[in-house]
Amino acid sequence: MAVETRRLLLAWAVLAALTGLTAAAARAIDHAPWHVASILVLGLASAGKARVILDHYLDLRLARGWRAAFLALLSGLVVLVYALCLIGG
């Protein structure tokens, strides 16, 4: 198997694992003691998925400037959504 194929399969496995994590966190969001923690896990997992997609599927791991710009934008969005959930929650 080619190195590129292995890298993409590993990226796919990471995305699948992070999707499972977000599903578990979404189920726990209605339980009062876990509300804030589950929102935090959802945000971090979403940011992780975005990074895997940017790095491996859009191949931005070599384009440092574009990668940094996208990651800054996505991180700001995750922080904004997390803050709004805490304020409205």
PDB file of N, CA and C in Angstrom:
ATOM      1  N   MET A   1       0.840  -1.176   0.000  1.00  0.00           N
ATOM      2  CA  MET A   1       0.000   0.000   0.000  1.00  0.00           C
ATOM      3  C   MET A   1       0.890   1.247   0.000  1.00  0.00           C
ATOM      4  N   ALA A   2       0.535   2.211  -0.804  1.00  0.00           N
ATOM      5  CA  ALA A   2       1.332   3.432  -0.926  1.00  0.00           C
ATOM      6  C   ALA A   2       1.255   4.261   0.351  1.00  0.00           C
ATOM      7  N   VAL A   3       2.280   5.052   0.571  1.00  0.00           N
ATOM      8  CA  VAL A   3       2.348   5.896   1.769  1.00  0.00           C
ATOM      9  C   VAL A   3       1.178   6.876   1.795  1.00  0.00           C
ATOM     10  N   GLU A   4       0.850   7.446   0.661  1.00  0.00           N
ATOM     11  CA  GLU A   4      -0.257   8.409   0.572  1.00  0.00           C
ATOM     12  C   GLU A   4      -1.583   7.751   0.946  1.00  0.00           C
ATOM     13  N   THR A   5      -1.788   6.531   0.476  1.00  0.00           N
ATOM     14  CA  THR A   5      -3.012   5.807   0.801  1.00  0.00           C
ATOM     15  C   THR A   5      -3.084   5.515   2.288  1.00  0.00           C
ATOM     16  N   ARG A   6      -1.971   5.101   2.882  1.00  0.00           N
ATOM     17  CA  ARG A   6      -1.940   4.844   4.327  1.00  0.00           C
ATOM     18  C   ARG A   6      -2.231   6.108   5.119  1.00  0.00           C
ATOM     19  N   ARG A   7      -1.673   7.217   4.681  1.00  0.00           N
ATOM     20  CA  ARG A   7      -1.886   8.487   5.374  1.00  0.00           C
ATOM     21  C   ARG A   7      -3.355   8.896   5.329  1.00  0.00           C
ATOM     22  N   LEU A   8      -3.990   8.726   4.177  1.00  0.00           N
ATOM     23  CA  LEU A   8      -5.401   9.078   4.055  1.00  0.00           C
ATOM     24  C   LEU A   8      -6.292   8.130   4.838  1.00  0.00           C
ATOM     25  N   LEU A   9      -5.928   6.844   4.873  1.00  0.00           N
ATOM     26  CA  LEU A   9      -6.709   5.894   5.670  1.00  0.00           C
ATOM     27  C   LEU A   9      -6.590   6.193   7.163  1.00  0.00           C
ATOM     28  N   LEU A  10      -5.407   6.570   7.606  1.00  0.00           N
ATOM     29  CA  LEU A  10      -5.229   6.959   9.004  1.00  0.00           C
ATOM     30  C   LEU A  10      -6.023   8.226   9.313  1.00  0.00           C
ATOM     31  N   ALA A  11      -6.022   9.178   8.396  1.00  0.00           N
ATOM     32  CA  ALA A  11      -6.819  10.398   8.578  1.00  0.00           C
ATOM     33  C   ALA A  11      -8.300  10.057   8.656  1.00  0.00           C
ATOM     34  N   TRP A  12      -8.749   9.141   7.812  1.00  0.00           N
ATOM     35  CA  TRP A  12     -10.145   8.715   7.847  1.00  0.00           C
ATOM     36  C   TRP A  12     -10.479   8.059   9.192  1.00  0.00           C
ATOM     37  N   ALA A  13      -9.586   7.222   9.710  1.00  0.00           N
ATOM     38  CA  ALA A  13      -9.814   6.567  10.997  1.00  0.00           C
ATOM     39  C   ALA A  13      -9.890   7.594  12.131  1.00  0.00           C
ATOM     40  N   VAL A  14      -9.047   8.603  12.084  1.00  0.00           N
ATOM     41  CA  VAL A  14      -9.083   9.668  13.092  1.00  0.00           C
ATOM     42  C   VAL A  14     -10.407  10.416  12.995  1.00  0.00           C
ATOM     43  N   LEU A  15     -10.843  10.721  11.778  1.00  0.00           N
ATOM     44  CA  LEU A  15     -12.130  11.398  11.603  1.00  0.00           C
ATOM     45  C   LEU A  15     -13.285  10.554  12.124  1.00  0.00           C
ATOM     46  N   ALA A  16     -13.241   9.252  11.887  1.00  0.00           N
ATOM     47  CA  ALA A  16     -14.290   8.367  12.379  1.00  0.00           C
ATOM     48  C   ALA A  16     -14.304   8.336  13.909  1.00  0.00           C
ATOM     49  N   ALA A  17     -13.126   8.278  14.521  1.00  0.00           N
ATOM     50  CA  ALA A  17     -13.045   8.283  15.983  1.00  0.00           C
ATOM     51  C   ALA A  17     -13.556   9.599  16.564  1.00  0.00           C
ATOM     52  N   LEU A  18     -13.194  10.711  15.952  1.00  0.00           N
ATOM     53  CA  LEU A  18     -13.664  12.002  16.430  1.00  0.00           C
ATOM     54  C   LEU A  18     -15.170  12.161  16.232  1.00  0.00           C
ATOM     55  N   THR A  19     -15.712  11.563  15.188  1.00  0.00           N
ATOM     56  CA  THR A  19     -17.155  11.579  14.985  1.00  0.00           C
ATOM     57  C   THR A  19     -17.857  10.795  16.085  1.00  0.00           C
ATOM     58  N   GLY A  20     -17.299   9.653  16.464  1.00  0.00           N
ATOM     59  CA  GLY A  20     -17.849   8.892  17.586  1.00  0.00           C
ATOM     60  C   GLY A  20     -17.798   9.675  18.888  1.00  0.00           C
ATOM     61  N   LEU A  21     -16.698  10.384  19.091  1.00  0.00           N
ATOM     62  CA  LEU A  21     -16.564  11.211  20.288  1.00  0.00           C
ATOM     63  C   LEU A  21     -17.601  12.329  20.309  1.00  0.00           C
ATOM     64  N   THR A  22     -17.827  12.962  19.165  1.00  0.00           N
ATOM     65  CA  THR A  22     -18.837  14.023  19.128  1.00  0.00           C
ATOM     66  C   THR A  22     -20.240  13.468  19.343  1.00  0.00           C
ATOM     67  N   ALA A  23     -20.504  12.272  18.851  1.00  0.00           N
ATOM     68  CA  ALA A  23     -21.817  11.659  19.077  1.00  0.00           C
ATOM     69  C   ALA A  23     -22.033  11.383  20.564  1.00  0.00           C
ATOM     70  N   ALA A  24     -21.014  10.878  21.235  1.00  0.00           N
ATOM     71  CA  ALA A  24     -21.128  10.607  22.677  1.00  0.00           C
ATOM     72  C   ALA A  24     -21.289  11.906  23.456  1.00  0.00           C
ATOM     73  N   ALA A  25     -20.545  12.932  23.075  1.00  0.00           N
ATOM     74  CA  ALA A  25     -20.653  14.223  23.768  1.00  0.00           C
ATOM     75  C   ALA A  25     -22.015  14.853  23.525  1.00  0.00           C
ATOM     76  N   ALA A  26     -22.559  14.702  22.333  1.00  0.00           N
ATOM     77  CA  ALA A  26     -23.869  15.270  22.031  1.00  0.00           C
ATOM     78  C   ALA A  26     -24.961  14.593  22.848  1.00  0.00           C
ATOM     79  N   ARG A  27     -24.809  13.302  23.114  1.00  0.00           N
ATOM     80  CA  ARG A  27     -25.799  12.604  23.944  1.00  0.00           C
ATOM     81  C   ARG A  27     -25.731  13.069  25.391  1.00  0.00           C
ATOM     82  N   ALA A  28     -24.556  13.481  25.852  1.00  0.00           N
ATOM     83  CA  ALA A  28     -24.381  13.900  27.248  1.00  0.00           C
ATOM     84  C   ALA A  28     -24.722  15.368  27.459  1.00  0.00           C
ATOM     85  N   ILE A  29     -25.036  16.090  26.404  1.00  0.00           N
ATOM     86  CA  ILE A  29     -25.245  17.536  26.526  1.00  0.00           C
ATOM     87  C   ILE A  29     -26.497  17.867  27.335  1.00  0.00           C
ATOM     88  N   ASP A  30     -27.474  16.973  27.375  1.00  0.00           N
ATOM     89  CA  ASP A  30     -28.710  17.233  28.113  1.00  0.00           C
ATOM     90  C   ASP A  30     -28.580  16.972  29.607  1.00  0.00           C
ATOM     91  N   HIS A  31     -27.529  16.296  30.022  1.00  0.00           N
ATOM     92  CA  HIS A  31     -27.345  15.998  31.436  1.00  0.00           C
ATOM     93  C   HIS A  31     -26.649  17.175  32.100  1.00  0.00           C
ATOM     94  N   ALA A  32     -27.298  17.728  33.107  1.00  0.00           N
ATOM     95  CA  ALA A  32     -26.854  18.988  33.719  1.00  0.00           C
ATOM     96  C   ALA A  32     -25.390  18.999  34.157  1.00  0.00           C
ATOM     97  N   PRO A  33     -24.888  17.987  34.856  1.00  0.00           N
ATOM     98  CA  PRO A  33     -23.495  18.104  35.299  1.00  0.00           C
ATOM     99  C   PRO A  33     -22.481  18.057  34.162  1.00  0.00           C
ATOM    100  N   TRP A  34     -22.856  17.506  33.033  1.00  0.00           N
ATOM    101  CA  TRP A  34     -21.916  17.339  31.922  1.00  0.00           C
ATOM    102  C   TRP A  34     -22.125  18.355  30.809  1.00  0.00           C
ATOM    103  N   HIS A  35     -23.020  19.308  30.996  1.00  0.00           N
ATOM    104  CA  HIS A  35     -23.378  20.250  29.932  1.00  0.00           C
ATOM    105  C   HIS A  35     -22.159  21.017  29.412  1.00  0.00           C
ATOM    106  N   VAL A  36     -21.441  21.675  30.298  1.00  0.00           N
ATOM    107  CA  VAL A  36     -20.299  22.493  29.881  1.00  0.00           C
ATOM    108  C   VAL A  36     -19.183  21.623  29.307  1.00  0.00           C
ATOM    109  N   ALA A  37     -18.911  20.510  29.945  1.00  0.00           N
ATOM    110  CA  ALA A  37     -17.846  19.623  29.476  1.00  0.00           C
ATOM    111  C   ALA A  37     -18.165  19.047  28.099  1.00  0.00           C
ATOM    112  N   SER A  38     -19.416  18.686  27.876  1.00  0.00           N
ATOM    113  CA  SER A  38     -19.772  18.105  26.579  1.00  0.00           C
ATOM    114  C   SER A  38     -19.696  19.152  25.475  1.00  0.00           C
ATOM    115  N   ILE A  39     -20.036  20.400  25.770  1.00  0.00           N
ATOM    116  CA  ILE A  39     -19.904  21.460  24.774  1.00  0.00           C
ATOM    117  C   ILE A  39     -18.423  21.683  24.447  1.00  0.00           C
ATOM    118  N   LEU A  40     -17.587  21.639  25.469  1.00  0.00           N
ATOM    119  CA  LEU A  40     -16.140  21.796  25.252  1.00  0.00           C
ATOM    120  C   LEU A  40     -15.597  20.655  24.390  1.00  0.00           C
ATOM    121  N   VAL A  41     -16.007  19.429  24.679  1.00  0.00           N
ATOM    122  CA  VAL A  41     -15.565  18.272  23.888  1.00  0.00           C
ATOM    123  C   VAL A  41     -16.042  18.397  22.443  1.00  0.00           C
ATOM    124  N   LEU A  42     -17.290  18.840  22.255  1.00  0.00           N
ATOM    125  CA  LEU A  42     -17.803  19.033  20.897  1.00  0.00           C
ATOM    126  C   LEU A  42     -16.974  20.056  20.130  1.00  0.00           C
ATOM    127  N   GLY A  43     -16.635  21.155  20.787  1.00  0.00           N
ATOM    128  CA  GLY A  43     -15.834  22.188  20.130  1.00  0.00           C
ATOM    129  C   GLY A  43     -14.445  21.714  19.771  1.00  0.00           C
ATOM    130  N   LEU A  44     -13.798  21.053  20.718  1.00  0.00           N
ATOM    131  CA  LEU A  44     -12.430  20.576  20.473  1.00  0.00           C
ATOM    132  C   LEU A  44     -12.400  19.483  19.409  1.00  0.00           C
ATOM    133  N   ALA A  45     -13.377  18.578  19.448  1.00  0.00           N
ATOM    134  CA  ALA A  45     -13.424  17.517  18.443  1.00  0.00           C
ATOM    135  C   ALA A  45     -13.709  18.095  17.057  1.00  0.00           C
ATOM    136  N   SER A  46     -14.575  19.086  16.998  1.00  0.00           N
ATOM    137  CA  SER A  46     -14.861  19.725  15.713  1.00  0.00           C
ATOM    138  C   SER A  46     -13.624  20.427  15.166  1.00  0.00           C
ATOM    139  N   ALA A  47     -12.892  21.098  16.033  1.00  0.00           N
ATOM    140  CA  ALA A  47     -11.653  21.749  15.601  1.00  0.00           C
ATOM    141  C   ALA A  47     -10.624  20.709  15.146  1.00  0.00           C
ATOM    142  N   GLY A  48     -10.556  19.587  15.854  1.00  0.00           N
ATOM    143  CA  GLY A  48      -9.646  18.513  15.458  1.00  0.00           C
ATOM    144  C   GLY A  48     -10.008  17.932  14.100  1.00  0.00           C
ATOM    145  N   LYS A  49     -11.302  17.736  13.868  1.00  0.00           N
ATOM    146  CA  LYS A  49     -11.741  17.229  12.573  1.00  0.00           C
ATOM    147  C   LYS A  49     -11.407  18.212  11.459  1.00  0.00           C
ATOM    148  N   ALA A  50     -11.612  19.489  11.728  1.00  0.00           N
ATOM    149  CA  ALA A  50     -11.293  20.504  10.721  1.00  0.00           C
ATOM    150  C   ALA A  50      -9.808  20.481  10.396  1.00  0.00           C
ATOM    151  N   ARG A  51      -8.983  20.310  11.413  1.00  0.00           N
ATOM    152  CA  ARG A  51      -7.535  20.276  11.184  1.00  0.00           C
ATOM    153  C   ARG A  51      -7.127  19.059  10.344  1.00  0.00           C
ATOM    154  N   VAL A  52      -7.716  17.905  10.632  1.00  0.00           N
ATOM    155  CA  VAL A  52      -7.400  16.702   9.846  1.00  0.00           C
ATOM    156  C   VAL A  52      -7.813  16.901   8.389  1.00  0.00           C
ATOM    157  N   ILE A  53      -8.989  17.481   8.180  1.00  0.00           N
ATOM    158  CA  ILE A  53      -9.460  17.713   6.813  1.00  0.00           C
ATOM    159  C   ILE A  53      -8.553  18.701   6.091  1.00  0.00           C
ATOM    160  N   LEU A  54      -8.192  19.789   6.774  1.00  0.00           N
ATOM    161  CA  LEU A  54      -7.308  20.780   6.154  1.00  0.00           C
ATOM    162  C   LEU A  54      -5.945  20.192   5.830  1.00  0.00           C
ATOM    163  N   ASP A  55      -5.389  19.433   6.751  1.00  0.00           N
ATOM    164  CA  ASP A  55      -4.038  18.905   6.573  1.00  0.00           C
ATOM    165  C   ASP A  55      -3.958  17.771   5.557  1.00  0.00           C
ATOM    166  N   HIS A  56      -4.909  16.854   5.609  1.00  0.00           N
ATOM    167  CA  HIS A  56      -4.756  15.624   4.836  1.00  0.00           C
ATOM    168  C   HIS A  56      -5.618  15.559   3.578  1.00  0.00           C
ATOM    169  N   TYR A  57      -6.801  16.138   3.608  1.00  0.00           N
ATOM    170  CA  TYR A  57      -7.654  16.063   2.430  1.00  0.00           C
ATOM    171  C   TYR A  57      -7.504  17.286   1.535  1.00  0.00           C
ATOM    172  N   LEU A  58      -7.295  18.460   2.129  1.00  0.00           N
ATOM    173  CA  LEU A  58      -7.040  19.653   1.329  1.00  0.00           C
ATOM    174  C   LEU A  58      -5.549  19.887   1.139  1.00  0.00           C
ATOM    175  N   ASP A  59      -4.749  19.066   1.800  1.00  0.00           N
ATOM    176  CA  ASP A  59      -3.290  19.060   1.648  1.00  0.00           C
ATOM    177  C   ASP A  59      -2.646  20.406   1.974  1.00  0.00           C
ATOM    178  N   LEU A  60      -3.157  21.043   3.044  1.00  0.00           N
ATOM    179  CA  LEU A  60      -2.602  22.331   3.455  1.00  0.00           C
ATOM    180  C   LEU A  60      -1.471  22.188   4.465  1.00  0.00           C
ATOM    181  N   ARG A  61      -1.046  20.991   4.776  1.00  0.00           N
ATOM    182  CA  ARG A  61       0.035  20.821   5.744  1.00  0.00           C
ATOM    183  C   ARG A  61       1.351  21.397   5.227  1.00  0.00           C
ATOM    184  N   LEU A  62       1.455  21.544   3.917  1.00  0.00           N
ATOM    185  CA  LEU A  62       2.656  22.110   3.313  1.00  0.00           C
ATOM    186  C   LEU A  62       2.517  23.611   3.053  1.00  0.00           C
ATOM    187  N   ALA A  63       1.304  24.118   3.030  1.00  0.00           N
ATOM    188  CA  ALA A  63       1.045  25.545   2.791  1.00  0.00           C
ATOM    189  C   ALA A  63       0.813  26.214   4.146  1.00  0.00           C
ATOM    190  N   ARG A  64       1.876  26.519   4.844  1.00  0.00           N
ATOM    191  CA  ARG A  64       1.803  27.005   6.227  1.00  0.00           C
ATOM    192  C   ARG A  64       0.937  28.255   6.397  1.00  0.00           C
ATOM    193  N   GLY A  65       1.030  29.201   5.480  1.00  0.00           N
ATOM    194  CA  GLY A  65       0.261  30.437   5.609  1.00  0.00           C
ATOM    195  C   GLY A  65      -1.233  30.207   5.519  1.00  0.00           C
ATOM    196  N   TRP A  66      -1.660  29.456   4.513  1.00  0.00           N
ATOM    197  CA  TRP A  66      -3.078  29.150   4.350  1.00  0.00           C
ATOM    198  C   TRP A  66      -3.588  28.317   5.515  1.00  0.00           C
ATOM    199  N   ARG A  67      -2.788  27.348   5.925  1.00  0.00           N
ATOM    200  CA  ARG A  67      -3.182  26.483   7.042  1.00  0.00           C
ATOM    201  C   ARG A  67      -3.375  27.296   8.309  1.00  0.00           C
ATOM    202  N   ALA A  68      -2.447  28.202   8.597  1.00  0.00           N
ATOM    203  CA  ALA A  68      -2.543  29.036   9.795  1.00  0.00           C
ATOM    204  C   ALA A  68      -3.774  29.942   9.731  1.00  0.00           C
ATOM    205  N   ALA A  69      -4.057  30.489   8.559  1.00  0.00           N
ATOM    206  CA  ALA A  69      -5.224  31.363   8.413  1.00  0.00           C
ATOM    207  C   ALA A  69      -6.528  30.593   8.645  1.00  0.00           C
ATOM    208  N   PHE A  70      -6.646  29.430   8.041  1.00  0.00           N
ATOM    209  CA  PHE A  70      -7.845  28.627   8.229  1.00  0.00           C
ATOM    210  C   PHE A  70      -7.995  28.184   9.682  1.00  0.00           C
ATOM    211  N   LEU A  71      -6.901  27.739  10.298  1.00  0.00           N
ATOM    212  CA  LEU A  71      -6.965  27.288  11.689  1.00  0.00           C
ATOM    213  C   LEU A  71      -7.314  28.432  12.638  1.00  0.00           C
ATOM    214  N   ALA A  72      -6.795  29.626  12.385  1.00  0.00           N
ATOM    215  CA  ALA A  72      -7.133  30.780  13.224  1.00  0.00           C
ATOM    216  C   ALA A  72      -8.617  31.105  13.095  1.00  0.00           C
ATOM    217  N   LEU A  73      -9.126  31.089  11.876  1.00  0.00           N
ATOM    218  CA  LEU A  73     -10.540  31.361  11.654  1.00  0.00           C
ATOM    219  C   LEU A  73     -11.422  30.311  12.327  1.00  0.00           C
ATOM    220  N   LEU A  74     -11.075  29.049  12.151  1.00  0.00           N
ATOM    221  CA  LEU A  74     -11.863  27.979  12.745  1.00  0.00           C
ATOM    222  C   LEU A  74     -11.778  27.984  14.270  1.00  0.00           C
ATOM    223  N   SER A  75     -10.609  28.264  14.815  1.00  0.00           N
ATOM    224  CA  SER A  75     -10.458  28.330  16.268  1.00  0.00           C
ATOM    225  C   SER A  75     -11.282  29.473  16.842  1.00  0.00           C
ATOM    226  N   GLY A  76     -11.265  30.607  16.170  1.00  0.00           N
ATOM    227  CA  GLY A  76     -12.089  31.728  16.617  1.00  0.00           C
ATOM    228  C   GLY A  76     -13.562  31.391  16.579  1.00  0.00           C
ATOM    229  N   LEU A  77     -13.990  30.674  15.553  1.00  0.00           N
ATOM    230  CA  LEU A  77     -15.387  30.268  15.443  1.00  0.00           C
ATOM    231  C   LEU A  77     -15.769  29.306  16.561  1.00  0.00           C
ATOM    232  N   VAL A  78     -14.902  28.346  16.857  1.00  0.00           N
ATOM    233  CA  VAL A  78     -15.180  27.395  17.940  1.00  0.00           C
ATOM    234  C   VAL A  78     -15.282  28.118  19.280  1.00  0.00           C
ATOM    235  N   VAL A  79     -14.384  29.056  19.531  1.00  0.00           N
ATOM    236  CA  VAL A  79     -14.423  29.821  20.788  1.00  0.00           C
ATOM    237  C   VAL A  79     -15.702  30.648  20.859  1.00  0.00           C
ATOM    238  N   LEU A  80     -16.096  31.265  19.761  1.00  0.00           N
ATOM    239  CA  LEU A  80     -17.321  32.064  19.736  1.00  0.00           C
ATOM    240  C   LEU A  80     -18.552  31.211  20.024  1.00  0.00           C
ATOM    241  N   VAL A  81     -18.647  30.068  19.376  1.00  0.00           N
ATOM    242  CA  VAL A  81     -19.790  29.183  19.605  1.00  0.00           C
ATOM    243  C   VAL A  81     -19.808  28.677  21.044  1.00  0.00           C
ATOM    244  N   TYR A  82     -18.652  28.321  21.569  1.00  0.00           N
ATOM    245  CA  TYR A  82     -18.565  27.858  22.948  1.00  0.00           C
ATOM    246  C   TYR A  82     -18.996  28.957  23.911  1.00  0.00           C
ATOM    247  N   ALA A  83     -18.557  30.172  23.685  1.00  0.00           N
ATOM    248  CA  ALA A  83     -18.931  31.293  24.550  1.00  0.00           C
ATOM    249  C   ALA A  83     -20.429  31.556  24.476  1.00  0.00           C
ATOM    250  N   LEU A  84     -20.999  31.500  23.281  1.00  0.00           N
ATOM    251  CA  LEU A  84     -22.442  31.721  23.140  1.00  0.00           C
ATOM    252  C   LEU A  84     -23.253  30.638  23.823  1.00  0.00           C
ATOM    253  N   CYS A  85     -22.758  29.402  23.769  1.00  0.00           N
ATOM    254  CA  CYS A  85     -23.449  28.302  24.460  1.00  0.00           C
ATOM    255  C   CYS A  85     -23.420  28.506  25.963  1.00  0.00           C
ATOM    256  N   LEU A  86     -22.299  28.963  26.484  1.00  0.00           N
ATOM    257  CA  LEU A  86     -22.196  29.197  27.926  1.00  0.00           C
ATOM    258  C   LEU A  86     -23.069  30.372  28.360  1.00  0.00           C
ATOM    259  N   ILE A  87     -23.128  31.418  27.534  1.00  0.00           N
ATOM    260  CA  ILE A  87     -23.947  32.579  27.878  1.00  0.00           C
ATOM    261  C   ILE A  87     -25.422  32.234  27.822  1.00  0.00           C
ATOM    262  N   GLY A  88     -25.806  31.499  26.787  1.00  0.00           N
ATOM    263  CA  GLY A  88     -27.215  31.164  26.616  1.00  0.00           C
ATOM    264  C   GLY A  88     -27.687  29.976  27.432  1.00  0.00           C
ATOM    265  N   GLY A  89     -26.746  29.231  27.965  1.00  0.00           N
ATOM    266  CA  GLY A  89     -27.030  27.966  28.578  1.00  0.00           C
ATOM    267  C   GLY A  89     -27.636  27.901  29.879  1.00  0.00           C
TER     268      GLY A  89
END
